[in-house]
């Protein structure tokens, strides 16, 4: 099975694309490393205060997919440089 989640994020402290890319790079690398998922920015690349991220995972169990993707959403929703605006699961 393949599951994914789309995350809409706000980056209120970023004042340039360079700052946005730095914040996102750290988040994307950490999520890849910790959860073993595929992750990429899929929209709002030119807007330095917002980002749309897609996270995908593969598993033979629906419950396992849901656990992994929920952990990623929880990670994105932690207090810090990003604010999670919306998440949408596709399993």
PDB file of N, CA and C in Angstrom:
ATOM      1  N   UNK A   1       0.829  -1.175   0.000  1.00  0.00           N
ATOM      2  CA  UNK A   1       0.000   0.000   0.000  1.00  0.00           C
ATOM      3  C   UNK A   1       0.878   1.244   0.000  1.00  0.00           C
ATOM      4  N   UNK A   2       0.341   2.278  -0.602  1.00  0.00           N
ATOM      5  CA  UNK A   2       1.013   3.575  -0.623  1.00  0.00           C
ATOM      6  C   UNK A   2       0.104   4.573   0.073  1.00  0.00           C
ATOM      7  N   UNK A   3       0.681   5.358   0.954  1.00  0.00           N
ATOM      8  CA  UNK A   3      -0.059   6.404   1.635  1.00  0.00           C
ATOM      9  C   UNK A   3       0.694   7.704   1.539  1.00  0.00           C
ATOM     10  N   UNK A   4      -0.050   8.789   1.581  1.00  0.00           N
ATOM     11  CA  UNK A   4       0.605  10.100   1.552  1.00  0.00           C
ATOM     12  C   UNK A   4      -0.190  11.091   2.383  1.00  0.00           C
ATOM     13  N   UNK A   5       0.465  12.155   2.715  1.00  0.00           N
ATOM     14  CA  UNK A   5      -0.183  13.255   3.412  1.00  0.00           C
ATOM     15  C   UNK A   5       0.372  14.554   2.829  1.00  0.00           C
ATOM     16  N   UNK A   6      -0.525  15.478   2.587  1.00  0.00           N
ATOM     17  CA  UNK A   6      -0.148  16.802   2.102  1.00  0.00           C
ATOM     18  C   UNK A   6      -0.205  17.757   3.284  1.00  0.00           C
ATOM     19  N   UNK A   7       0.849  18.526   3.466  1.00  0.00           N
ATOM     20  CA  UNK A   7       0.935  19.475   4.566  1.00  0.00           C
ATOM     21  C   UNK A   7       0.999  20.889   4.022  1.00  0.00           C
ATOM     22  N   UNK A   8       0.112  21.741   4.493  1.00  0.00           N
ATOM     23  CA  UNK A   8       0.176  23.155   4.154  1.00  0.00           C
ATOM     24  C   UNK A   8       0.787  23.866   5.347  1.00  0.00           C
ATOM     25  N   UNK A   9       1.886  24.548   5.124  1.00  0.00           N
ATOM     26  CA  UNK A   9       2.653  25.164   6.199  1.00  0.00           C
ATOM     27  C   UNK A   9       2.794  26.660   5.997  1.00  0.00           C
ATOM     28  N   UNK A  10       2.887  27.384   7.103  1.00  0.00           N
ATOM     29  CA  UNK A  10       3.231  28.803   7.093  1.00  0.00           C
ATOM     30  C   UNK A  10       4.581  28.943   7.773  1.00  0.00           C
ATOM     31  N   UNK A  11       5.390  29.834   7.247  1.00  0.00           N
ATOM     32  CA  UNK A  11       6.721  30.095   7.779  1.00  0.00           C
ATOM     33  C   UNK A  11       6.813  31.595   8.081  1.00  0.00           C
ATOM     34  N   UNK A  12       6.211  32.051   9.164  1.00  0.00           N
ATOM     35  CA  UNK A  12       6.075  33.485   9.414  1.00  0.00           C
ATOM     36  C   UNK A  12       7.385  34.225   9.643  1.00  0.00           C
ATOM     37  N   UNK A  13       8.409  33.555  10.091  1.00  0.00           N
ATOM     38  CA  UNK A  13       9.677  34.222  10.385  1.00  0.00           C
ATOM     39  C   UNK A  13      10.571  34.368   9.165  1.00  0.00           C
ATOM     40  N   UNK A  14      10.221  33.723   8.066  1.00  0.00           N
ATOM     41  CA  UNK A  14      11.050  33.783   6.864  1.00  0.00           C
ATOM     42  C   UNK A  14      10.786  35.072   6.096  1.00  0.00           C
ATOM     43  N   UNK A  15      11.871  35.749   5.724  1.00  0.00           N
ATOM     44  CA  UNK A  15      11.755  36.999   4.981  1.00  0.00           C
ATOM     45  C   UNK A  15      12.378  36.923   3.593  1.00  0.00           C
ATOM     46  N   UNK A  16      12.772  35.710   3.195  1.00  0.00           N
ATOM     47  CA  UNK A  16      13.338  35.527   1.864  1.00  0.00           C
ATOM     48  C   UNK A  16      13.216  34.055   1.477  1.00  0.00           C
ATOM     49  N   UNK A  17      13.372  33.796   0.191  1.00  0.00           N
ATOM     50  CA  UNK A  17      13.366  32.407  -0.273  1.00  0.00           C
ATOM     51  C   UNK A  17      14.556  31.640   0.299  1.00  0.00           C
ATOM     52  N   UNK A  18      15.676  32.322   0.484  1.00  0.00           N
ATOM     53  CA  UNK A  18      16.857  31.676   1.051  1.00  0.00           C
ATOM     54  C   UNK A  18      16.568  31.173   2.463  1.00  0.00           C
ATOM     55  N   UNK A  19      15.915  31.994   3.290  1.00  0.00           N
ATOM     56  CA  UNK A  19      15.550  31.568   4.639  1.00  0.00           C
ATOM     57  C   UNK A  19      14.564  30.412   4.601  1.00  0.00           C
ATOM     58  N   UNK A  20      13.571  30.508   3.714  1.00  0.00           N
ATOM     59  CA  UNK A  20      12.575  29.439   3.589  1.00  0.00           C
ATOM     60  C   UNK A  20      13.248  28.123   3.223  1.00  0.00           C
ATOM     61  N   UNK A  21      14.122  28.163   2.244  1.00  0.00           N
ATOM     62  CA  UNK A  21      14.792  26.933   1.805  1.00  0.00           C
ATOM     63  C   UNK A  21      15.640  26.326   2.926  1.00  0.00           C
ATOM     64  N   UNK A  22      16.235  27.156   3.732  1.00  0.00           N
ATOM     65  CA  UNK A  22      17.031  26.671   4.850  1.00  0.00           C
ATOM     66  C   UNK A  22      16.154  25.961   5.881  1.00  0.00           C
ATOM     67  N   UNK A  23      15.038  26.582   6.231  1.00  0.00           N
ATOM     68  CA  UNK A  23      14.110  25.975   7.194  1.00  0.00           C
ATOM     69  C   UNK A  23      13.559  24.664   6.646  1.00  0.00           C
ATOM     70  N   UNK A  24      13.103  24.686   5.395  1.00  0.00           N
ATOM     71  CA  UNK A  24      12.531  23.479   4.795  1.00  0.00           C
ATOM     72  C   UNK A  24      13.565  22.373   4.626  1.00  0.00           C
ATOM     73  N   UNK A  25      14.779  22.721   4.241  1.00  0.00           N
ATOM     74  CA  UNK A  25      15.823  21.713   4.049  1.00  0.00           C
ATOM     75  C   UNK A  25      16.056  20.932   5.345  1.00  0.00           C
ATOM     76  N   UNK A  26      16.147  21.650   6.470  1.00  0.00           N
ATOM     77  CA  UNK A  26      16.344  20.978   7.760  1.00  0.00           C
ATOM     78  C   UNK A  26      15.176  20.052   8.083  1.00  0.00           C
ATOM     79  N   UNK A  27      13.949  20.541   7.858  1.00  0.00           N
ATOM     80  CA  UNK A  27      12.762  19.731   8.139  1.00  0.00           C
ATOM     81  C   UNK A  27      12.700  18.510   7.223  1.00  0.00           C
ATOM     82  N   UNK A  28      12.883  18.706   5.926  1.00  0.00           N
ATOM     83  CA  UNK A  28      12.795  17.602   4.963  1.00  0.00           C
ATOM     84  C   UNK A  28      13.847  16.532   5.260  1.00  0.00           C
ATOM     85  N   UNK A  29      15.073  16.943   5.532  1.00  0.00           N
ATOM     86  CA  UNK A  29      16.142  15.975   5.819  1.00  0.00           C
ATOM     87  C   UNK A  29      15.861  15.204   7.108  1.00  0.00           C
ATOM     88  N   UNK A  30      15.376  15.900   8.136  1.00  0.00           N
ATOM     89  CA  UNK A  30      15.085  15.225   9.401  1.00  0.00           C
ATOM     90  C   UNK A  30      13.952  14.214   9.234  1.00  0.00           C
ATOM     91  N   UNK A  31      12.907  14.592   8.514  1.00  0.00           N
ATOM     92  CA  UNK A  31      11.768  13.682   8.305  1.00  0.00           C
ATOM     93  C   UNK A  31      12.199  12.471   7.488  1.00  0.00           C
ATOM     94  N   UNK A  32      12.976  12.677   6.438  1.00  0.00           N
ATOM     95  CA  UNK A  32      13.479  11.543   5.647  1.00  0.00           C
ATOM     96  C   UNK A  32      14.273  10.576   6.521  1.00  0.00           C
ATOM     97  N   UNK A  33      15.163  11.128   7.317  1.00  0.00           N
ATOM     98  CA  UNK A  33      16.044  10.324   8.162  1.00  0.00           C
ATOM     99  C   UNK A  33      15.269   9.588   9.258  1.00  0.00           C
ATOM    100  N   UNK A  34      14.382  10.286   9.957  1.00  0.00           N
ATOM    101  CA  UNK A  34      13.692   9.700  11.107  1.00  0.00           C
ATOM    102  C   UNK A  34      12.568   8.742  10.733  1.00  0.00           C
ATOM    103  N   UNK A  35      11.886   8.986   9.612  1.00  0.00           N
ATOM    104  CA  UNK A  35      10.694   8.196   9.289  1.00  0.00           C
ATOM    105  C   UNK A  35      10.835   7.336   8.030  1.00  0.00           C
ATOM    106  N   UNK A  36      11.898   7.514   7.273  1.00  0.00           N
ATOM    107  CA  UNK A  36      12.113   6.708   6.070  1.00  0.00           C
ATOM    108  C   UNK A  36      11.054   6.899   5.015  1.00  0.00           C
ATOM    109  N   UNK A  37      10.642   8.147   4.801  1.00  0.00           N
ATOM    110  CA  UNK A  37       9.593   8.466   3.837  1.00  0.00           C
ATOM    111  C   UNK A  37      10.171   9.305   2.700  1.00  0.00           C
ATOM    112  N   UNK A  38       9.396   9.401   1.632  1.00  0.00           N
ATOM    113  CA  UNK A  38       9.728  10.329   0.552  1.00  0.00           C
ATOM    114  C   UNK A  38       9.011  11.637   0.869  1.00  0.00           C
ATOM    115  N   UNK A  39       9.686  12.764   0.691  1.00  0.00           N
ATOM    116  CA  UNK A  39       9.096  14.056   1.041  1.00  0.00           C
ATOM    117  C   UNK A  39       9.634  15.121   0.099  1.00  0.00           C
ATOM    118  N   UNK A  40       8.736  16.024  -0.334  1.00  0.00           N
ATOM    119  CA  UNK A  40       9.149  17.093  -1.242  1.00  0.00           C
ATOM    120  C   UNK A  40       8.171  18.253  -1.167  1.00  0.00           C
ATOM    121  N   UNK A  41       8.685  19.438  -1.473  1.00  0.00           N
ATOM    122  CA  UNK A  41       7.820  20.608  -1.598  1.00  0.00           C
ATOM    123  C   UNK A  41       7.150  20.525  -2.964  1.00  0.00           C
ATOM    124  N   UNK A  42       5.823  20.617  -2.999  1.00  0.00           N
ATOM    125  CA  UNK A  42       5.099  20.431  -4.263  1.00  0.00           C
ATOM    126  C   UNK A  42       4.395  21.688  -4.762  1.00  0.00           C
ATOM    127  N   UNK A  43       4.319  22.733  -3.930  1.00  0.00           N
ATOM    128  CA  UNK A  43       3.657  23.972  -4.358  1.00  0.00           C
ATOM    129  C   UNK A  43       4.173  25.130  -3.510  1.00  0.00           C
ATOM    130  N   UNK A  44       3.850  26.331  -3.947  1.00  0.00           N
ATOM    131  CA  UNK A  44       4.236  27.573  -3.254  1.00  0.00           C
ATOM    132  C   UNK A  44       5.747  27.756  -3.178  1.00  0.00           C
ATOM    133  N   UNK A  45       6.466  27.266  -4.160  1.00  0.00           N
ATOM    134  CA  UNK A  45       7.928  27.374  -4.134  1.00  0.00           C
ATOM    135  C   UNK A  45       8.419  28.819  -4.158  1.00  0.00           C
ATOM    136  N   UNK A  46       7.660  29.725  -4.740  1.00  0.00           N
ATOM    137  CA  UNK A  46       8.100  31.116  -4.850  1.00  0.00           C
ATOM    138  C   UNK A  46       7.547  32.011  -3.752  1.00  0.00           C
ATOM    139  N   UNK A  47       6.772  31.457  -2.846  1.00  0.00           N
ATOM    140  CA  UNK A  47       6.211  32.220  -1.727  1.00  0.00           C
ATOM    141  C   UNK A  47       7.035  31.903  -0.487  1.00  0.00           C
ATOM    142  N   UNK A  48       7.797  32.863   0.036  1.00  0.00           N
ATOM    143  CA  UNK A  48       8.715  32.561   1.124  1.00  0.00           C
ATOM    144  C   UNK A  48       8.060  32.415   2.483  1.00  0.00           C
ATOM    145  N   UNK A  49       6.758  32.636   2.576  1.00  0.00           N
ATOM    146  CA  UNK A  49       6.082  32.470   3.865  1.00  0.00           C
ATOM    147  C   UNK A  49       5.114  31.293   3.894  1.00  0.00           C
ATOM    148  N   UNK A  50       5.084  30.497   2.842  1.00  0.00           N
ATOM    149  CA  UNK A  50       4.230  29.309   2.857  1.00  0.00           C
ATOM    150  C   UNK A  50       4.879  28.196   2.057  1.00  0.00           C
ATOM    151  N   UNK A  51       4.426  26.973   2.344  1.00  0.00           N
ATOM    152  CA  UNK A  51       4.950  25.799   1.636  1.00  0.00           C
ATOM    153  C   UNK A  51       3.880  24.718   1.646  1.00  0.00           C
ATOM    154  N   UNK A  52       3.856  23.942   0.584  1.00  0.00           N
ATOM    155  CA  UNK A  52       2.999  22.760   0.519  1.00  0.00           C
ATOM    156  C   UNK A  52       3.932  21.578   0.320  1.00  0.00           C
ATOM    157  N   UNK A  53       3.867  20.642   1.256  1.00  0.00           N
ATOM    158  CA  UNK A  53       4.762  19.488   1.284  1.00  0.00           C
ATOM    159  C   UNK A  53       3.938  18.224   1.105  1.00  0.00           C
ATOM    160  N   UNK A  54       4.449  17.285   0.324  1.00  0.00           N
ATOM    161  CA  UNK A  54       3.818  15.961   0.188  1.00  0.00           C
ATOM    162  C   UNK A  54       4.777  14.933   0.771  1.00  0.00           C
ATOM    163  N   UNK A  55       4.228  14.058   1.601  1.00  0.00           N
ATOM    164  CA  UNK A  55       4.997  12.991   2.234  1.00  0.00           C
ATOM    165  C   UNK A  55       4.384  11.673   1.800  1.00  0.00           C
ATOM    166  N   UNK A  56       5.203  10.727   1.336  1.00  0.00           N
ATOM    167  CA  UNK A  56       4.694   9.427   0.891  1.00  0.00           C
ATOM    168  C   UNK A  56       5.447   8.303   1.585  1.00  0.00           C
ATOM    169  N   UNK A  57       4.707   7.238   1.876  1.00  0.00           N
ATOM    170  CA  UNK A  57       5.295   6.057   2.515  1.00  0.00           C
ATOM    171  C   UNK A  57       4.676   4.807   1.911  1.00  0.00           C
ATOM    172  N   UNK A  58       5.400   3.708   2.012  1.00  0.00           N
ATOM    173  CA  UNK A  58       4.941   2.415   1.506  1.00  0.00           C
ATOM    174  C   UNK A  58       4.992   1.408   2.643  1.00  0.00           C
ATOM    175  N   UNK A  59       3.941   0.607   2.769  1.00  0.00           N
ATOM    176  CA  UNK A  59       3.891  -0.436   3.788  1.00  0.00           C
ATOM    177  C   UNK A  59       2.890  -1.495   3.356  1.00  0.00           C
ATOM    178  N   UNK A  60       2.994  -2.677   3.951  1.00  0.00           N
ATOM    179  CA  UNK A  60       2.016  -3.716   3.641  1.00  0.00           C
ATOM    180  C   UNK A  60       0.819  -3.666   4.596  1.00  0.00           C
ATOM    181  N   UNK A  61       0.839  -2.714   5.544  1.00  0.00           N
ATOM    182  CA  UNK A  61      -0.264  -2.578   6.487  1.00  0.00           C
ATOM    183  C   UNK A  61      -0.776  -1.141   6.520  1.00  0.00           C
ATOM    184  N   UNK A  62      -2.072  -0.985   6.399  1.00  0.00           N
ATOM    185  CA  UNK A  62      -2.704   0.334   6.445  1.00  0.00           C
ATOM    186  C   UNK A  62      -2.432   1.028   7.784  1.00  0.00           C
ATOM    187  N   UNK A  63      -2.521   0.292   8.889  1.00  0.00           N
ATOM    188  CA  UNK A  63      -2.308   0.870  10.217  1.00  0.00           C
ATOM    189  C   UNK A  63      -0.884   1.413  10.360  1.00  0.00           C
ATOM    190  N   UNK A  64       0.082   0.690   9.806  1.00  0.00           N
ATOM    191  CA  UNK A  64       1.473   1.149   9.857  1.00  0.00           C
ATOM    192  C   UNK A  64       1.648   2.445   9.073  1.00  0.00           C
ATOM    193  N   UNK A  65       1.052   2.513   7.887  1.00  0.00           N
ATOM    194  CA  UNK A  65       1.098   3.741   7.093  1.00  0.00           C
ATOM    195  C   UNK A  65       0.522   4.908   7.880  1.00  0.00           C
ATOM    196  N   UNK A  66      -0.629   4.682   8.471  1.00  0.00           N
ATOM    197  CA  UNK A  66      -1.292   5.744   9.217  1.00  0.00           C
ATOM    198  C   UNK A  66      -0.418   6.217  10.387  1.00  0.00           C
ATOM    199  N   UNK A  67       0.224   5.288  11.086  1.00  0.00           N
ATOM    200  CA  UNK A  67       1.100   5.647  12.211  1.00  0.00           C
ATOM    201  C   UNK A  67       2.271   6.514  11.747  1.00  0.00           C
ATOM    202  N   UNK A  68       2.919   6.092  10.683  1.00  0.00           N
ATOM    203  CA  UNK A  68       4.072   6.844  10.170  1.00  0.00           C
ATOM    204  C   UNK A  68       3.653   8.247   9.754  1.00  0.00           C
ATOM    205  N   UNK A  69       2.601   8.331   8.958  1.00  0.00           N
ATOM    206  CA  UNK A  69       2.184   9.633   8.444  1.00  0.00           C
ATOM    207  C   UNK A  69       1.665  10.539   9.556  1.00  0.00           C
ATOM    208  N   UNK A  70       1.004   9.968  10.546  1.00  0.00           N
ATOM    209  CA  UNK A  70       0.541  10.757  11.689  1.00  0.00           C
ATOM    210  C   UNK A  70       1.717  11.320  12.469  1.00  0.00           C
ATOM    211  N   UNK A  71       2.775  10.541  12.615  1.00  0.00           N
ATOM    212  CA  UNK A  71       3.981  11.027  13.307  1.00  0.00           C
ATOM    213  C   UNK A  71       4.620  12.184  12.552  1.00  0.00           C
ATOM    214  N   UNK A  72       4.616  12.111  11.224  1.00  0.00           N
ATOM    215  CA  UNK A  72       5.165  13.205  10.425  1.00  0.00           C
ATOM    216  C   UNK A  72       4.333  14.465  10.628  1.00  0.00           C
ATOM    217  N   UNK A  73       3.007  14.318  10.615  1.00  0.00           N
ATOM    218  CA  UNK A  73       2.131  15.474  10.834  1.00  0.00           C
ATOM    219  C   UNK A  73       2.377  16.055  12.227  1.00  0.00           C
ATOM    220  N   UNK A  74       2.486  15.206  13.224  1.00  0.00           N
ATOM    221  CA  UNK A  74       2.763  15.674  14.585  1.00  0.00           C
ATOM    222  C   UNK A  74       4.097  16.423  14.645  1.00  0.00           C
ATOM    223  N   UNK A  75       5.089  15.920  13.922  1.00  0.00           N
ATOM    224  CA  UNK A  75       6.394  16.566  13.871  1.00  0.00           C
ATOM    225  C   UNK A  75       6.274  17.962  13.252  1.00  0.00           C
ATOM    226  N   UNK A  76       5.514  18.076  12.175  1.00  0.00           N
ATOM    227  CA  UNK A  76       5.335  19.371  11.505  1.00  0.00           C
ATOM    228  C   UNK A  76       4.548  20.349  12.378  1.00  0.00           C
ATOM    229  N   UNK A  77       3.742  19.818  13.284  1.00  0.00           N
ATOM    230  CA  UNK A  77       2.874  20.656  14.119  1.00  0.00           C
ATOM    231  C   UNK A  77       3.538  21.080  15.432  1.00  0.00           C
ATOM    232  N   UNK A  78       4.784  20.679  15.651  1.00  0.00           N
ATOM    233  CA  UNK A  78       5.494  21.093  16.864  1.00  0.00           C
ATOM    234  C   UNK A  78       5.781  22.592  16.808  1.00  0.00           C
ATOM    235  N   UNK A  79       5.806  23.237  17.961  1.00  0.00           N
ATOM    236  CA  UNK A  79       6.173  24.660  17.973  1.00  0.00           C
ATOM    237  C   UNK A  79       7.572  24.845  17.382  1.00  0.00           C
ATOM    238  N   UNK A  80       7.731  25.885  16.608  1.00  0.00           N
ATOM    239  CA  UNK A  80       9.031  26.148  15.989  1.00  0.00           C
ATOM    240  C   UNK A  80       8.898  27.145  14.864  1.00  0.00           C
ATOM    241  N   UNK A  81       9.637  26.914  13.807  1.00  0.00           N
ATOM    242  CA  UNK A  81       9.700  27.864  12.699  1.00  0.00           C
ATOM    243  C   UNK A  81       8.534  27.744  11.731  1.00  0.00           C
ATOM    244  N   UNK A  82       7.766  26.665  11.836  1.00  0.00           N
ATOM    245  CA  UNK A  82       6.659  26.423  10.913  1.00  0.00           C
ATOM    246  C   UNK A  82       5.353  26.300  11.688  1.00  0.00           C
ATOM    247  N   UNK A  83       4.273  26.670  11.006  1.00  0.00           N
ATOM    248  CA  UNK A  83       2.933  26.492  11.568  1.00  0.00           C
ATOM    249  C   UNK A  83       2.164  25.610  10.600  1.00  0.00           C
ATOM    250  N   UNK A  84       1.631  24.499  11.100  1.00  0.00           N
ATOM    251  CA  UNK A  84       0.828  23.608  10.270  1.00  0.00           C
ATOM    252  C   UNK A  84      -0.558  24.217  10.114  1.00  0.00           C
ATOM    253  N   UNK A  85      -0.953  24.482   8.874  1.00  0.00           N
ATOM    254  CA  UNK A  85      -2.249  25.081   8.577  1.00  0.00           C
ATOM    255  C   UNK A  85      -3.276  24.001   8.278  1.00  0.00           C
ATOM    256  N   UNK A  86      -2.861  22.996   7.513  1.00  0.00           N
ATOM    257  CA  UNK A  86      -3.800  21.960   7.074  1.00  0.00           C
ATOM    258  C   UNK A  86      -3.029  20.691   6.715  1.00  0.00           C
ATOM    259  N   UNK A  87      -3.638  19.556   6.965  1.00  0.00           N
ATOM    260  CA  UNK A  87      -3.057  18.287   6.507  1.00  0.00           C
ATOM    261  C   UNK A  87      -4.178  17.442   5.914  1.00  0.00           C
ATOM    262  N   UNK A  88      -3.841  16.727   4.853  1.00  0.00           N
ATOM    263  CA  UNK A  88      -4.823  15.872   4.172  1.00  0.00           C
ATOM    264  C   UNK A  88      -4.189  14.532   3.855  1.00  0.00           C
ATOM    265  N   UNK A  89      -4.769  13.473   4.415  1.00  0.00           N
ATOM    266  CA  UNK A  89      -4.257  12.120   4.225  1.00  0.00           C
ATOM    267  C   UNK A  89      -4.857  11.479   2.980  1.00  0.00           C
ATOM    268  N   UNK A  90      -4.039  10.649   2.314  1.00  0.00           N
ATOM    269  CA  UNK A  90      -4.459   9.863   1.158  1.00  0.00           C
ATOM    270  C   UNK A  90      -3.908   8.446   1.357  1.00  0.00           C
ATOM    271  N   UNK A  91      -4.744   7.530   1.807  1.00  0.00           N
ATOM    272  CA  UNK A  91      -4.271   6.154   2.028  1.00  0.00           C
ATOM    273  C   UNK A  91      -5.118   5.203   1.219  1.00  0.00           C
TER     274      UNK A  91
END
